[in-house]
Amino acid sequence: MIKLGTIGTNWITERMIEAAHATGDYLLTAVYSRHEASGEKIANGHGDVTIYTDLDRFLSADDVDVIYIASPNVLHHSQIIQAIQHDKNVIVEKPAVLTQYQFQNILDELALHPQAHFFEAARNVHMPAFQVVADYLNDVDGIDGADFTFSQYSSRYDKVLNGETPNVFNPQFGGGALADLGVYPVYDAVGLFGVPERLAYYPTMISTGVDGKGTAVLNYGDFDVTLNFSKISASTHNSEIYHGREIITFDSAGEVTEASIIRENQRQILSPLYGKNPMIPEMSDFARVLNDPDNEQNQADYHRWLEQMQNVNLVLSRLANFAGIEYPTKLEED
């Protein structure tokens, strides 16, 4: 059983714990929070869980094999580095880090701690439907383009409209649509087509100083992929890949819970709806590697995910640079 510790007390942490336990491979053993009460809220109902309010004691704990990090984006880099230095495996919520320099720091630290593994919780590319689409495209002779959409109105935007600055819309915390939601369609594009030749990002900036929504265009030479994502508006649009008379379609770019082909108004199901917790497939994939790290296929998958993660970080960095968005490298204390 993989002993799991968590950093971050958002709803996503609770959903991850549910998924981890559903795999049968993990046991929640430790929770870190600056405030004991919020740590107790996460640990409640999960048996004998130790709550830490001291990060170093948490990272040094013997009852933790892998640490899940779901803290504000700007804290990811330092927490990942510290965890690896303690020889802990790391699963971090997207975006793993905010700059290419930070990503290289992590690769350098992994080289010094080869027993540690580093995963990014980009659930969409671990979904069965995503793999079915990728396999189908391997047998397709060229495509004509794609549109990937992931727009979800954030309830925290109501606070922005009331004059507040919640973390996800705070530039000091690395907030904004590209970092929070854009990473999903970027993962789809990089996972299916690789790194684009050229790119552009056109954000809609909001009062807090971050991008509330935006459109990115990735050029692959013979075709373009358009990415639409928003935290200040919602959309029910499916994501589509165009191939002559065919449309390969799946639901939102951040979910990828089902996939179909549409030919002349006739729909063929490629992958039926995945109705369980969508974090289960990724947590199962990570457990497979952690439980048998010497297996050749597991090693190949791990290094493929790591390379894909680095390429996504590269594309996100280039999109931010195109739009003149600068992310903080650390949290500025008052």
C-alpha atoms as a PDB file:
ATOM      1  CA  MET A   1       0.000   0.000   0.000  1.00  0.00           C
ATOM      2  CA  ILE A   2       1.365   3.422  -1.000  1.00  0.00           C
ATOM      3  CA  LYS A   3       1.367   5.790   1.990  1.00  0.00           C
ATOM      4  CA  LEU A   4      -0.080   9.121   0.860  1.00  0.00           C
ATOM      5  CA  GLY A   5       0.470  12.577   2.334  1.00  0.00           C
ATOM      6  CA  THR A   6      -1.203  15.770   1.136  1.00  0.00           C
ATOM      7  CA  ILE A   7      -0.450  19.484   0.948  1.00  0.00           C
ATOM      8  CA  GLY A   8      -3.417  21.735   0.218  1.00  0.00           C
ATOM      9  CA  THR A   9      -6.929  21.760   1.641  1.00  0.00           C
ATOM     10  CA  ASN A  10      -9.028  22.638  -1.403  1.00  0.00           C
ATOM     11  CA  TRP A  11     -11.879  20.513  -2.751  1.00  0.00           C
ATOM     12  CA  ILE A  12      -9.503  18.973  -5.306  1.00  0.00           C
ATOM     13  CA  THR A  13      -7.539  17.331  -2.479  1.00  0.00           C
ATOM     14  CA  GLU A  14     -10.663  15.623  -1.176  1.00  0.00           C
ATOM     15  CA  ARG A  15     -11.511  14.427  -4.688  1.00  0.00           C
ATOM     16  CA  MET A  16      -7.997  13.076  -5.159  1.00  0.00           C
ATOM     17  CA  ILE A  17      -8.127  11.160  -1.860  1.00  0.00           C
ATOM     18  CA  GLU A  18     -11.429   9.619  -2.949  1.00  0.00           C
ATOM     19  CA  ALA A  19      -9.845   8.551  -6.258  1.00  0.00           C
ATOM     20  CA  ALA A  20      -6.678   7.280  -4.584  1.00  0.00           C
ATOM     21  CA  HIS A  21      -8.632   5.073  -2.200  1.00  0.00           C
ATOM     22  CA  ALA A  22     -10.845   3.852  -5.061  1.00  0.00           C
ATOM     23  CA  THR A  23      -7.771   2.420  -6.810  1.00  0.00           C
ATOM     24  CA  GLY A  24      -7.011   0.234  -3.795  1.00  0.00           C
ATOM     25  CA  ASP A  25      -3.335   1.232  -4.031  1.00  0.00           C
ATOM     26  CA  TYR A  26      -3.108   4.168  -1.594  1.00  0.00           C
ATOM     27  CA  LEU A  27      -3.731   4.862   2.056  1.00  0.00           C
ATOM     28  CA  LEU A  28      -3.956   8.427   3.372  1.00  0.00           C
ATOM     29  CA  THR A  29      -1.532   8.605   6.295  1.00  0.00           C
ATOM     30  CA  ALA A  30      -0.583  12.286   6.670  1.00  0.00           C
ATOM     31  CA  VAL A  31      -1.937  15.772   5.982  1.00  0.00           C
ATOM     32  CA  TYR A  32       0.005  19.039   6.062  1.00  0.00           C
ATOM     33  CA  SER A  33      -1.746  22.354   6.627  1.00  0.00           C
ATOM     34  CA  ARG A  34      -0.649  25.581   8.249  1.00  0.00           C
ATOM     35  CA  HIS A  35      -3.848  25.397  10.308  1.00  0.00           C
ATOM     36  CA  GLU A  36      -4.722  22.236  12.216  1.00  0.00           C
ATOM     37  CA  ALA A  37      -8.459  22.749  11.779  1.00  0.00           C
ATOM     38  CA  SER A  38      -8.239  22.717   7.972  1.00  0.00           C
ATOM     39  CA  GLY A  39      -5.967  19.662   8.147  1.00  0.00           C
ATOM     40  CA  GLU A  40      -8.548  17.897  10.320  1.00  0.00           C
ATOM     41  CA  LYS A  41     -11.217  18.660   7.731  1.00  0.00           C
ATOM     42  CA  ILE A  42      -9.221  16.799   5.062  1.00  0.00           C
ATOM     43  CA  ALA A  43      -8.269  13.917   7.367  1.00  0.00           C
ATOM     44  CA  ASN A  44     -11.773  13.448   8.785  1.00  0.00           C
ATOM     45  CA  GLY A  45     -13.255  10.033   8.036  1.00  0.00           C
ATOM     46  CA  HIS A  46     -10.003   8.491   6.768  1.00  0.00           C
ATOM     47  CA  GLY A  47      -8.885   6.632   9.882  1.00  0.00           C
ATOM     48  CA  ASP A  48      -5.527   7.109  11.566  1.00  0.00           C
ATOM     49  CA  VAL A  49      -4.116  10.173   9.779  1.00  0.00           C
ATOM     50  CA  THR A  50      -1.372  12.368  11.250  1.00  0.00           C
ATOM     51  CA  ILE A  51      -1.895  16.108  10.865  1.00  0.00           C
ATOM     52  CA  TYR A  52       1.219  18.253  10.544  1.00  0.00           C
ATOM     53  CA  THR A  53       1.457  22.031  10.794  1.00  0.00           C
ATOM     54  CA  ASP A  54       5.260  21.977  10.395  1.00  0.00           C
ATOM     55  CA  LEU A  55       6.301  21.352   6.783  1.00  0.00           C
ATOM     56  CA  ASP A  56       9.760  19.964   7.563  1.00  0.00           C
ATOM     57  CA  ARG A  57       8.354  17.428  10.029  1.00  0.00           C
ATOM     58  CA  PHE A  58       5.768  16.404   7.422  1.00  0.00           C
ATOM     59  CA  LEU A  59       8.410  15.980   4.702  1.00  0.00           C
ATOM     60  CA  SER A  60      10.606  13.951   7.081  1.00  0.00           C
ATOM     61  CA  ALA A  61       7.801  11.609   8.127  1.00  0.00           C
ATOM     62  CA  ASP A  62       8.445   7.887   7.678  1.00  0.00           C
ATOM     63  CA  ASP A  63       4.763   7.189   7.064  1.00  0.00           C
ATOM     64  CA  VAL A  64       4.686   9.053   3.713  1.00  0.00           C
ATOM     65  CA  ASP A  65       5.777   7.539   0.373  1.00  0.00           C
ATOM     66  CA  VAL A  66       4.220  10.039  -2.013  1.00  0.00           C
ATOM     67  CA  ILE A  67       3.146  13.641  -1.472  1.00  0.00           C
ATOM     68  CA  TYR A  68       0.234  15.178  -3.342  1.00  0.00           C
ATOM     69  CA  ILE A  69       0.627  18.958  -3.703  1.00  0.00           C
ATOM     70  CA  ALA A  70      -2.438  21.124  -4.339  1.00  0.00           C
ATOM     71  CA  SER A  71      -1.262  24.407  -2.867  1.00  0.00           C
ATOM     72  CA  PRO A  72      -1.401  27.751  -4.750  1.00  0.00           C
ATOM     73  CA  ASN A  73       0.596  27.628  -8.004  1.00  0.00           C
ATOM     74  CA  VAL A  74       3.358  29.919  -6.790  1.00  0.00           C
ATOM     75  CA  LEU A  75       4.224  27.504  -3.941  1.00  0.00           C
ATOM     76  CA  HIS A  76       4.566  24.382  -6.097  1.00  0.00           C
ATOM     77  CA  HIS A  77       8.217  24.808  -7.065  1.00  0.00           C
ATOM     78  CA  SER A  78       9.655  25.166  -3.562  1.00  0.00           C
ATOM     79  CA  GLN A  79       7.456  22.396  -2.143  1.00  0.00           C
ATOM     80  CA  ILE A  80       8.353  19.991  -4.955  1.00  0.00           C
ATOM     81  CA  ILE A  81      12.073  20.659  -4.487  1.00  0.00           C
ATOM     82  CA  GLN A  82      11.845  20.151  -0.727  1.00  0.00           C
ATOM     83  CA  ALA A  83       9.882  16.921  -1.124  1.00  0.00           C
ATOM     84  CA  ILE A  84      12.382  15.471  -3.604  1.00  0.00           C
ATOM     85  CA  GLN A  85      15.265  16.464  -1.325  1.00  0.00           C
ATOM     86  CA  HIS A  86      13.570  14.311   1.323  1.00  0.00           C
ATOM     87  CA  ASP A  87      13.441  11.441  -1.223  1.00  0.00           C
ATOM     88  CA  LYS A  88       9.658  11.598  -1.488  1.00  0.00           C
ATOM     89  CA  ASN A  89       7.677  10.875  -4.629  1.00  0.00           C
ATOM     90  CA  VAL A  90       5.562  13.837  -5.757  1.00  0.00           C
ATOM     91  CA  ILE A  91       2.189  14.207  -7.472  1.00  0.00           C
ATOM     92  CA  VAL A  92       1.490  17.891  -8.105  1.00  0.00           C
ATOM     93  CA  GLU A  93      -1.654  19.552  -9.351  1.00  0.00           C
ATOM     94  CA  LYS A  94      -1.318  21.383 -12.630  1.00  0.00           C
ATOM     95  CA  PRO A  95       0.453  23.564 -13.483  1.00  0.00           C
ATOM     96  CA  ALA A  96       3.425  21.772 -11.962  1.00  0.00           C
ATOM     97  CA  VAL A  97       5.504  24.950 -12.045  1.00  0.00           C
ATOM     98  CA  LEU A  98       5.231  28.356 -13.698  1.00  0.00           C
ATOM     99  CA  THR A  99       8.550  28.755 -15.558  1.00  0.00           C
ATOM    100  CA  GLN A 100      11.021  26.695 -17.574  1.00  0.00           C
ATOM    101  CA  TYR A 101      13.760  27.603 -15.116  1.00  0.00           C
ATOM    102  CA  GLN A 102      11.767  26.098 -12.262  1.00  0.00           C
ATOM    103  CA  PHE A 103      11.140  22.932 -14.263  1.00  0.00           C
ATOM    104  CA  GLN A 104      14.862  22.531 -14.963  1.00  0.00           C
ATOM    105  CA  ASN A 105      15.526  22.967 -11.234  1.00  0.00           C
ATOM    106  CA  ILE A 106      13.284  19.989 -10.573  1.00  0.00           C
ATOM    107  CA  LEU A 107      14.965  17.845 -13.239  1.00  0.00           C
ATOM    108  CA  ASP A 108      18.333  18.667 -11.690  1.00  0.00           C
ATOM    109  CA  GLU A 109      17.055  17.690  -8.240  1.00  0.00           C
ATOM    110  CA  LEU A 110      15.580  14.436  -9.587  1.00  0.00           C
ATOM    111  CA  ALA A 111      19.005  13.552 -10.991  1.00  0.00           C
ATOM    112  CA  LEU A 112      20.385  13.797  -7.442  1.00  0.00           C
ATOM    113  CA  HIS A 113      17.517  11.698  -6.034  1.00  0.00           C
ATOM    114  CA  PRO A 114      16.881   9.013  -8.675  1.00  0.00           C
ATOM    115  CA  GLN A 115      14.561   7.012  -6.417  1.00  0.00           C
ATOM    116  CA  ALA A 116      12.057   9.893  -6.343  1.00  0.00           C
ATOM    117  CA  HIS A 117       9.330  10.186  -8.981  1.00  0.00           C
ATOM    118  CA  PHE A 118       7.590  13.346 -10.154  1.00  0.00           C
ATOM    119  CA  PHE A 119       4.096  13.363 -11.675  1.00  0.00           C
ATOM    120  CA  GLU A 120       1.739  16.125 -12.798  1.00  0.00           C
ATOM    121  CA  ALA A 121      -1.957  15.516 -12.152  1.00  0.00           C
ATOM    122  CA  ALA A 122      -3.169  16.305 -15.678  1.00  0.00           C
ATOM    123  CA  ARG A 123      -6.060  13.880 -15.491  1.00  0.00           C
ATOM    124  CA  ASN A 124      -7.330  14.418 -19.038  1.00  0.00           C
ATOM    125  CA  VAL A 125      -4.419  12.677 -20.770  1.00  0.00           C
ATOM    126  CA  HIS A 126      -4.753   9.630 -18.503  1.00  0.00           C
ATOM    127  CA  MET A 127      -8.403   9.084 -19.353  1.00  0.00           C
ATOM    128  CA  PRO A 128      -9.310   6.000 -21.434  1.00  0.00           C
ATOM    129  CA  ALA A 129     -11.016   8.207 -24.054  1.00  0.00           C
ATOM    130  CA  PHE A 130      -7.840  10.236 -24.571  1.00  0.00           C
ATOM    131  CA  GLN A 131      -5.800   7.104 -25.244  1.00  0.00           C
ATOM    132  CA  VAL A 132      -8.443   5.828 -27.681  1.00  0.00           C
ATOM    133  CA  VAL A 133      -8.289   9.128 -29.594  1.00  0.00           C
ATOM    134  CA  ALA A 134      -4.481   9.045 -29.628  1.00  0.00           C
ATOM    135  CA  ASP A 135      -4.489   5.461 -30.942  1.00  0.00           C
ATOM    136  CA  TYR A 136      -7.035   6.364 -33.622  1.00  0.00           C
ATOM    137  CA  LEU A 137      -4.977   9.338 -34.800  1.00  0.00           C
ATOM    138  CA  ASN A 138      -1.926   7.094 -35.170  1.00  0.00           C
ATOM    139  CA  ASP A 139      -3.733   5.436 -38.097  1.00  0.00           C
ATOM    140  CA  VAL A 140      -4.960   8.692 -39.656  1.00  0.00           C
ATOM    141  CA  ASP A 141      -3.154  10.235 -42.614  1.00  0.00           C
ATOM    142  CA  GLY A 142      -2.945  13.884 -41.605  1.00  0.00           C
ATOM    143  CA  ILE A 143      -5.595  16.097 -40.041  1.00  0.00           C
ATOM    144  CA  ASP A 144      -7.114  19.451 -40.977  1.00  0.00           C
ATOM    145  CA  GLY A 145      -7.078  21.115 -37.573  1.00  0.00           C
ATOM    146  CA  ALA A 146      -8.631  20.985 -34.122  1.00  0.00           C
ATOM    147  CA  ASP A 147     -10.514  23.106 -31.599  1.00  0.00           C
ATOM    148  CA  PHE A 148     -10.160  22.318 -27.897  1.00  0.00           C
ATOM    149  CA  THR A 149     -12.423  24.097 -25.406  1.00  0.00           C
ATOM    150  CA  PHE A 150     -12.458  24.143 -21.604  1.00  0.00           C
ATOM    151  CA  SER A 151     -14.464  26.965 -20.067  1.00  0.00           C
ATOM    152  CA  GLN A 152     -15.882  26.852 -16.560  1.00  0.00           C
ATOM    153  CA  TYR A 153     -17.287  29.864 -14.747  1.00  0.00           C
ATOM    154  CA  SER A 154     -15.466  30.092 -11.437  1.00  0.00           C
ATOM    155  CA  SER A 155     -17.600  30.915  -8.397  1.00  0.00           C
ATOM    156  CA  ARG A 156     -14.593  32.867  -7.144  1.00  0.00           C
ATOM    157  CA  TYR A 157     -15.079  35.318 -10.007  1.00  0.00           C
ATOM    158  CA  ASP A 158     -18.119  36.555  -8.090  1.00  0.00           C
ATOM    159  CA  LYS A 159     -15.646  37.702  -5.422  1.00  0.00           C
ATOM    160  CA  VAL A 160     -13.644  39.549  -8.088  1.00  0.00           C
ATOM    161  CA  LEU A 161     -16.811  41.332  -9.179  1.00  0.00           C
ATOM    162  CA  ASN A 162     -17.268  42.332  -5.542  1.00  0.00           C
ATOM    163  CA  GLY A 163     -13.798  43.852  -5.405  1.00  0.00           C
ATOM    164  CA  GLU A 164     -11.909  40.926  -3.830  1.00  0.00           C
ATOM    165  CA  THR A 165      -8.844  39.068  -5.156  1.00  0.00           C
ATOM    166  CA  PRO A 166      -9.057  35.305  -4.516  1.00  0.00           C
ATOM    167  CA  ASN A 167      -5.903  33.238  -5.108  1.00  0.00           C
ATOM    168  CA  VAL A 168      -6.963  31.830  -8.490  1.00  0.00           C
ATOM    169  CA  PHE A 169      -7.321  35.386  -9.809  1.00  0.00           C
ATOM    170  CA  ASN A 170      -4.311  36.809  -7.969  1.00  0.00           C
ATOM    171  CA  PRO A 171      -1.133  37.461 -10.018  1.00  0.00           C
ATOM    172  CA  GLN A 172       0.998  37.054  -6.867  1.00  0.00           C
ATOM    173  CA  PHE A 173      -0.191  33.446  -6.588  1.00  0.00           C
ATOM    174  CA  GLY A 174       0.320  32.619 -10.275  1.00  0.00           C
ATOM    175  CA  GLY A 175      -3.398  32.773 -10.992  1.00  0.00           C
ATOM    176  CA  GLY A 176      -5.258  33.242 -14.252  1.00  0.00           C
ATOM    177  CA  ALA A 177      -6.962  31.201 -16.952  1.00  0.00           C
ATOM    178  CA  LEU A 178      -3.860  30.026 -18.829  1.00  0.00           C
ATOM    179  CA  ALA A 179      -2.218  28.549 -15.738  1.00  0.00           C
ATOM    180  CA  ASP A 180      -5.399  27.153 -14.216  1.00  0.00           C
ATOM    181  CA  LEU A 181      -7.478  25.877 -17.161  1.00  0.00           C
ATOM    182  CA  GLY A 182      -5.372  26.464 -20.278  1.00  0.00           C
ATOM    183  CA  VAL A 183      -2.965  23.773 -19.151  1.00  0.00           C
ATOM    184  CA  TYR A 184      -5.606  21.115 -19.954  1.00  0.00           C
ATOM    185  CA  PRO A 185      -6.083  21.879 -23.673  1.00  0.00           C
ATOM    186  CA  VAL A 186      -2.327  22.453 -23.957  1.00  0.00           C
ATOM    187  CA  TYR A 187      -1.859  18.931 -22.588  1.00  0.00           C
ATOM    188  CA  ASP A 188      -4.358  17.622 -25.159  1.00  0.00           C
ATOM    189  CA  ALA A 189      -2.525  19.327 -28.014  1.00  0.00           C
ATOM    190  CA  VAL A 190       0.975  18.340 -26.897  1.00  0.00           C
ATOM    191  CA  GLY A 191      -0.159  14.797 -26.077  1.00  0.00           C
ATOM    192  CA  LEU A 192      -1.710  14.300 -29.506  1.00  0.00           C
ATOM    193  CA  PHE A 193       0.447  16.451 -31.790  1.00  0.00           C
ATOM    194  CA  GLY A 194       3.636  17.415 -29.933  1.00  0.00           C
ATOM    195  CA  VAL A 195       5.198  20.861 -29.585  1.00  0.00           C
ATOM    196  CA  PRO A 196       3.864  23.396 -32.123  1.00  0.00           C
ATOM    197  CA  GLU A 197       6.093  25.232 -34.594  1.00  0.00           C
ATOM    198  CA  ARG A 198       4.548  28.614 -33.791  1.00  0.00           C
ATOM    199  CA  LEU A 199       2.002  29.869 -31.297  1.00  0.00           C
ATOM    200  CA  ALA A 200       0.071  32.898 -30.103  1.00  0.00           C
ATOM    201  CA  TYR A 201      -2.055  33.731 -27.078  1.00  0.00           C
ATOM    202  CA  TYR A 202      -4.723  36.431 -26.922  1.00  0.00           C
ATOM    203  CA  PRO A 203      -5.920  36.873 -23.322  1.00  0.00           C
ATOM    204  CA  THR A 204      -8.785  38.835 -21.846  1.00  0.00           C
ATOM    205  CA  MET A 205      -7.346  40.568 -18.794  1.00  0.00           C
ATOM    206  CA  ILE A 206      -9.508  41.323 -15.762  1.00  0.00           C
ATOM    207  CA  SER A 207      -9.354  43.870 -12.965  1.00  0.00           C
ATOM    208  CA  THR A 208      -7.076  41.820 -10.709  1.00  0.00           C
ATOM    209  CA  GLY A 209      -4.330  41.799 -13.361  1.00  0.00           C
ATOM    210  CA  VAL A 210      -4.638  38.218 -14.599  1.00  0.00           C
ATOM    211  CA  ASP A 211      -6.131  36.652 -17.719  1.00  0.00           C
ATOM    212  CA  GLY A 212      -9.724  35.675 -17.035  1.00  0.00           C
ATOM    213  CA  LYS A 213     -10.071  33.910 -20.381  1.00  0.00           C
ATOM    214  CA  GLY A 214      -8.169  33.571 -23.619  1.00  0.00           C
ATOM    215  CA  THR A 215      -7.675  32.016 -27.035  1.00  0.00           C
ATOM    216  CA  ALA A 216      -4.435  30.359 -28.078  1.00  0.00           C
ATOM    217  CA  VAL A 217      -3.497  29.263 -31.592  1.00  0.00           C
ATOM    218  CA  LEU A 218      -0.905  26.518 -32.031  1.00  0.00           C
ATOM    219  CA  ASN A 219       0.497  26.058 -35.535  1.00  0.00           C
ATOM    220  CA  TYR A 220       1.798  22.645 -36.582  1.00  0.00           C
ATOM    221  CA  GLY A 221       2.826  23.549 -40.111  1.00  0.00           C
ATOM    222  CA  ASP A 222      -0.022  21.929 -42.062  1.00  0.00           C
ATOM    223  CA  PHE A 223      -2.768  22.675 -39.526  1.00  0.00           C
ATOM    224  CA  ASP A 224      -3.702  24.842 -36.561  1.00  0.00           C
ATOM    225  CA  VAL A 225      -5.099  23.902 -33.165  1.00  0.00           C
ATOM    226  CA  THR A 226      -7.240  26.552 -31.472  1.00  0.00           C
ATOM    227  CA  LEU A 227      -7.541  26.481 -27.683  1.00  0.00           C
ATOM    228  CA  ASN A 228     -10.373  28.332 -25.927  1.00  0.00           C
ATOM    229  CA  PHE A 229     -10.511  28.461 -22.134  1.00  0.00           C
ATOM    230  CA  SER A 230     -12.159  30.675 -19.574  1.00  0.00           C
ATOM    231  CA  LYS A 231     -12.742  31.085 -15.839  1.00  0.00           C
ATOM    232  CA  ILE A 232     -15.136  34.008 -16.280  1.00  0.00           C
ATOM    233  CA  SER A 233     -17.625  32.357 -18.659  1.00  0.00           C
ATOM    234  CA  ALA A 234     -18.940  28.856 -19.327  1.00  0.00           C
ATOM    235  CA  SER A 235     -19.229  26.745 -22.459  1.00  0.00           C
ATOM    236  CA  THR A 236     -20.875  23.476 -23.433  1.00  0.00           C
ATOM    237  CA  HIS A 237     -18.831  23.130 -26.638  1.00  0.00           C
ATOM    238  CA  ASN A 238     -17.222  19.782 -27.296  1.00  0.00           C
ATOM    239  CA  SER A 239     -13.628  19.556 -28.461  1.00  0.00           C
ATOM    240  CA  GLU A 240     -13.124  18.462 -32.069  1.00  0.00           C
ATOM    241  CA  ILE A 241     -10.395  17.214 -34.383  1.00  0.00           C
ATOM    242  CA  TYR A 242     -11.066  17.590 -38.117  1.00  0.00           C
ATOM    243  CA  HIS A 243     -10.141  14.957 -40.683  1.00  0.00           C
ATOM    244  CA  GLY A 244     -11.850  15.360 -44.030  1.00  0.00           C
ATOM    245  CA  ARG A 245     -15.449  14.245 -43.621  1.00  0.00           C
ATOM    246  CA  GLU A 246     -14.736  12.948 -40.130  1.00  0.00           C
ATOM    247  CA  ILE A 247     -14.932  14.769 -36.827  1.00  0.00           C
ATOM    248  CA  ILE A 248     -13.198  13.105 -33.902  1.00  0.00           C
ATOM    249  CA  THR A 249     -14.925  14.610 -30.904  1.00  0.00           C
ATOM    250  CA  PHE A 250     -14.734  14.422 -27.122  1.00  0.00           C
ATOM    251  CA  ASP A 251     -16.277  16.439 -24.330  1.00  0.00           C
ATOM    252  CA  SER A 252     -14.476  19.402 -22.761  1.00  0.00           C
ATOM    253  CA  ALA A 253     -10.711  19.482 -23.176  1.00  0.00           C
ATOM    254  CA  GLY A 254     -10.274  19.242 -19.432  1.00  0.00           C
ATOM    255  CA  GLU A 255     -12.379  16.121 -18.935  1.00  0.00           C
ATOM    256  CA  VAL A 256     -12.105  13.785 -21.978  1.00  0.00           C
ATOM    257  CA  THR A 257     -14.583  11.359 -20.424  1.00  0.00           C
ATOM    258  CA  GLU A 258     -15.965  10.061 -23.760  1.00  0.00           C
ATOM    259  CA  ALA A 259     -15.055  10.160 -27.449  1.00  0.00           C
ATOM    260  CA  SER A 260     -16.829   9.638 -30.771  1.00  0.00           C
ATOM    261  CA  ILE A 261     -16.399   9.913 -34.534  1.00  0.00           C
ATOM    262  CA  ILE A 262     -19.014  11.763 -36.557  1.00  0.00           C
ATOM    263  CA  ARG A 263     -19.238  10.907 -40.266  1.00  0.00           C
ATOM    264  CA  GLU A 264     -21.989  12.515 -42.310  1.00  0.00           C
ATOM    265  CA  ASN A 265     -24.130  13.078 -39.196  1.00  0.00           C
ATOM    266  CA  GLN A 266     -23.688   9.482 -38.037  1.00  0.00           C
ATOM    267  CA  ARG A 267     -22.032   9.040 -34.634  1.00  0.00           C
ATOM    268  CA  GLN A 268     -19.773   6.100 -33.768  1.00  0.00           C
ATOM    269  CA  ILE A 269     -18.748   5.736 -30.144  1.00  0.00           C
ATOM    270  CA  LEU A 270     -14.990   5.380 -29.750  1.00  0.00           C
ATOM    271  CA  SER A 271     -14.937   5.399 -25.960  1.00  0.00           C
ATOM    272  CA  PRO A 272     -18.103   5.314 -23.821  1.00  0.00           C
ATOM    273  CA  LEU A 273     -18.723   7.739 -20.977  1.00  0.00           C
ATOM    274  CA  TYR A 274     -16.403   7.289 -18.004  1.00  0.00           C
ATOM    275  CA  GLY A 275     -18.762   7.932 -15.127  1.00  0.00           C
ATOM    276  CA  LYS A 276     -16.429   7.442 -12.167  1.00  0.00           C
ATOM    277  CA  ASN A 277     -14.183   9.954 -10.417  1.00  0.00           C
ATOM    278  CA  PRO A 278     -12.019  11.244 -13.327  1.00  0.00           C
ATOM    279  CA  MET A 279      -8.905  11.248 -11.152  1.00  0.00           C
ATOM    280  CA  ILE A 280      -8.943   7.452 -10.778  1.00  0.00           C
ATOM    281  CA  PRO A 281      -7.131   6.662 -14.088  1.00  0.00           C
ATOM    282  CA  GLU A 282      -4.231   9.029 -13.364  1.00  0.00           C
ATOM    283  CA  MET A 283      -3.860   7.801  -9.781  1.00  0.00           C
ATOM    284  CA  SER A 284      -3.883   4.213 -11.065  1.00  0.00           C
ATOM    285  CA  ASP A 285      -1.184   5.055 -13.613  1.00  0.00           C
ATOM    286  CA  PHE A 286       1.004   6.686 -10.971  1.00  0.00           C
ATOM    287  CA  ALA A 287       0.509   3.751  -8.579  1.00  0.00           C
ATOM    288  CA  ARG A 288       1.571   1.321 -11.288  1.00  0.00           C
ATOM    289  CA  VAL A 289       4.913   3.084 -11.572  1.00  0.00           C
ATOM    290  CA  LEU A 290       5.392   3.518  -7.825  1.00  0.00           C
ATOM    291  CA  ASN A 291       4.560  -0.126  -7.091  1.00  0.00           C
ATOM    292  CA  ASP A 292       6.891  -1.523  -9.760  1.00  0.00           C
ATOM    293  CA  PRO A 293       9.418   1.154 -10.767  1.00  0.00           C
ATOM    294  CA  ASP A 294      11.840  -1.335 -12.356  1.00  0.00           C
ATOM    295  CA  ASN A 295       9.306  -2.655 -14.866  1.00  0.00           C
ATOM    296  CA  GLU A 296      10.423  -1.627 -18.383  1.00  0.00           C
ATOM    297  CA  GLN A 297       6.977  -0.518 -19.520  1.00  0.00           C
ATOM    298  CA  ASN A 298       6.443   1.472 -16.334  1.00  0.00           C
ATOM    299  CA  GLN A 299       9.823   3.154 -16.778  1.00  0.00           C
ATOM    300  CA  ALA A 300       9.001   3.997 -20.407  1.00  0.00           C
ATOM    301  CA  ASP A 301       5.619   5.459 -19.430  1.00  0.00           C
ATOM    302  CA  TYR A 302       7.133   7.492 -16.603  1.00  0.00           C
ATOM    303  CA  HIS A 303       9.808   9.030 -18.811  1.00  0.00           C
ATOM    304  CA  ARG A 304       7.200   9.725 -21.527  1.00  0.00           C
ATOM    305  CA  TRP A 305       5.001  11.541 -19.001  1.00  0.00           C
ATOM    306  CA  LEU A 306       8.005  13.493 -17.720  1.00  0.00           C
ATOM    307  CA  GLU A 307       8.957  14.576 -21.252  1.00  0.00           C
ATOM    308  CA  GLN A 308       5.353  15.478 -22.002  1.00  0.00           C
ATOM    309  CA  MET A 309       5.208  17.510 -18.787  1.00  0.00           C
ATOM    310  CA  GLN A 310       8.322  19.427 -19.805  1.00  0.00           C
ATOM    311  CA  ASN A 311       6.910  20.111 -23.275  1.00  0.00           C
ATOM    312  CA  VAL A 312       3.644  21.393 -21.771  1.00  0.00           C
ATOM    313  CA  ASN A 313       5.638  23.666 -19.475  1.00  0.00           C
ATOM    314  CA  LEU A 314       7.554  24.932 -22.526  1.00  0.00           C
ATOM    315  CA  VAL A 315       4.357  25.698 -24.473  1.00  0.00           C
ATOM    316  CA  LEU A 316       2.698  27.385 -21.486  1.00  0.00           C
ATOM    317  CA  SER A 317       5.809  29.513 -20.945  1.00  0.00           C
ATOM    318  CA  ARG A 318       5.865  30.566 -24.604  1.00  0.00           C
ATOM    319  CA  LEU A 319       2.148  31.406 -24.577  1.00  0.00           C
ATOM    320  CA  ALA A 320       2.562  33.520 -21.448  1.00  0.00           C
ATOM    321  CA  ASN A 321       5.590  35.254 -22.966  1.00  0.00           C
ATOM    322  CA  PHE A 322       3.676  36.009 -26.187  1.00  0.00           C
ATOM    323  CA  ALA A 323       0.926  37.687 -24.168  1.00  0.00           C
ATOM    324  CA  GLY A 324       3.332  39.537 -21.879  1.00  0.00           C
ATOM    325  CA  ILE A 325       2.246  37.588 -18.802  1.00  0.00           C
ATOM    326  CA  GLU A 326       4.904  37.266 -16.108  1.00  0.00           C
ATOM    327  CA  TYR A 327       4.471  34.760 -13.302  1.00  0.00           C
ATOM    328  CA  PRO A 328       6.029  35.169  -9.851  1.00  0.00           C
ATOM    329  CA  THR A 329       8.841  32.803  -8.875  1.00  0.00           C
ATOM    330  CA  LYS A 330       7.988  32.957  -5.177  1.00  0.00           C
ATOM    331  CA  LEU A 331       5.287  34.306  -2.928  1.00  0.00           C
ATOM    332  CA  GLU A 332       6.006  37.831  -1.810  1.00  0.00           C
ATOM    333  CA  GLU A 333       5.460  38.125   1.913  1.00  0.00           C
ATOM    334  CA  ASP A 334       3.901  41.227   3.422  1.00  0.00           C
END
